[in-house]
Amino acid sequence: MTKKEQTDKKLEKRVEELEEQWKRALADYQNLEKRIGKEREDFVRFANEPLIDKLLYVFDNLKRAYESFRNKGLKMVREQFWEVLQSEGVENIECVGEKFDPQLMDAVEMVRGAKEIIIEEVLPGYLYKGKCIRPAKVKVGKGKDSQRLKVKS
């Protein structure tokens, strides 16, 4: 093999190496673009989360006020407020009678009842656009009840 052929072979190998590096760098860049796009999308999607979280405490207080006074006006305001929250992507976490889910619920007390079944909701929990922004505070059965509750599925 001549010196020119050896040089050509080395150059071809170097070109292949550089092409591979370029392909990897391009793939890394494209993945970075996708990740940044997703992060930007999530930022915009959940930008109102802190405000929604604060409003939920006001909503809960409206519920307490209605339960104390049984005023039709309070009930109407609370229902209208709930409709607005729902239109923004808020959902209530249904939990009484359900199996305890640590992703959506915080156990505040273990009580007599069916094992790992929610016996009572102490404070409602909420999802915002599918993300748990406030876990429900619940009382969970510890399994020492002769009367078993049925688990909702």
Foldseek 3Di string as FASTA:
>chain_A
DDPVVVVVVVVVVVVVVVVVVVVVVVVVVVVVVVVVVVVVVVCVLCVCVVVLVVVVVVLVVLVVVCVVPVDPVSVVVSVVSVVVQVVQAKDWDDAALAADDPQAADEPEEDAAQARHFHAFPAIWMDGNNHTSGHTYTYGYRHHYPDHGHHDD
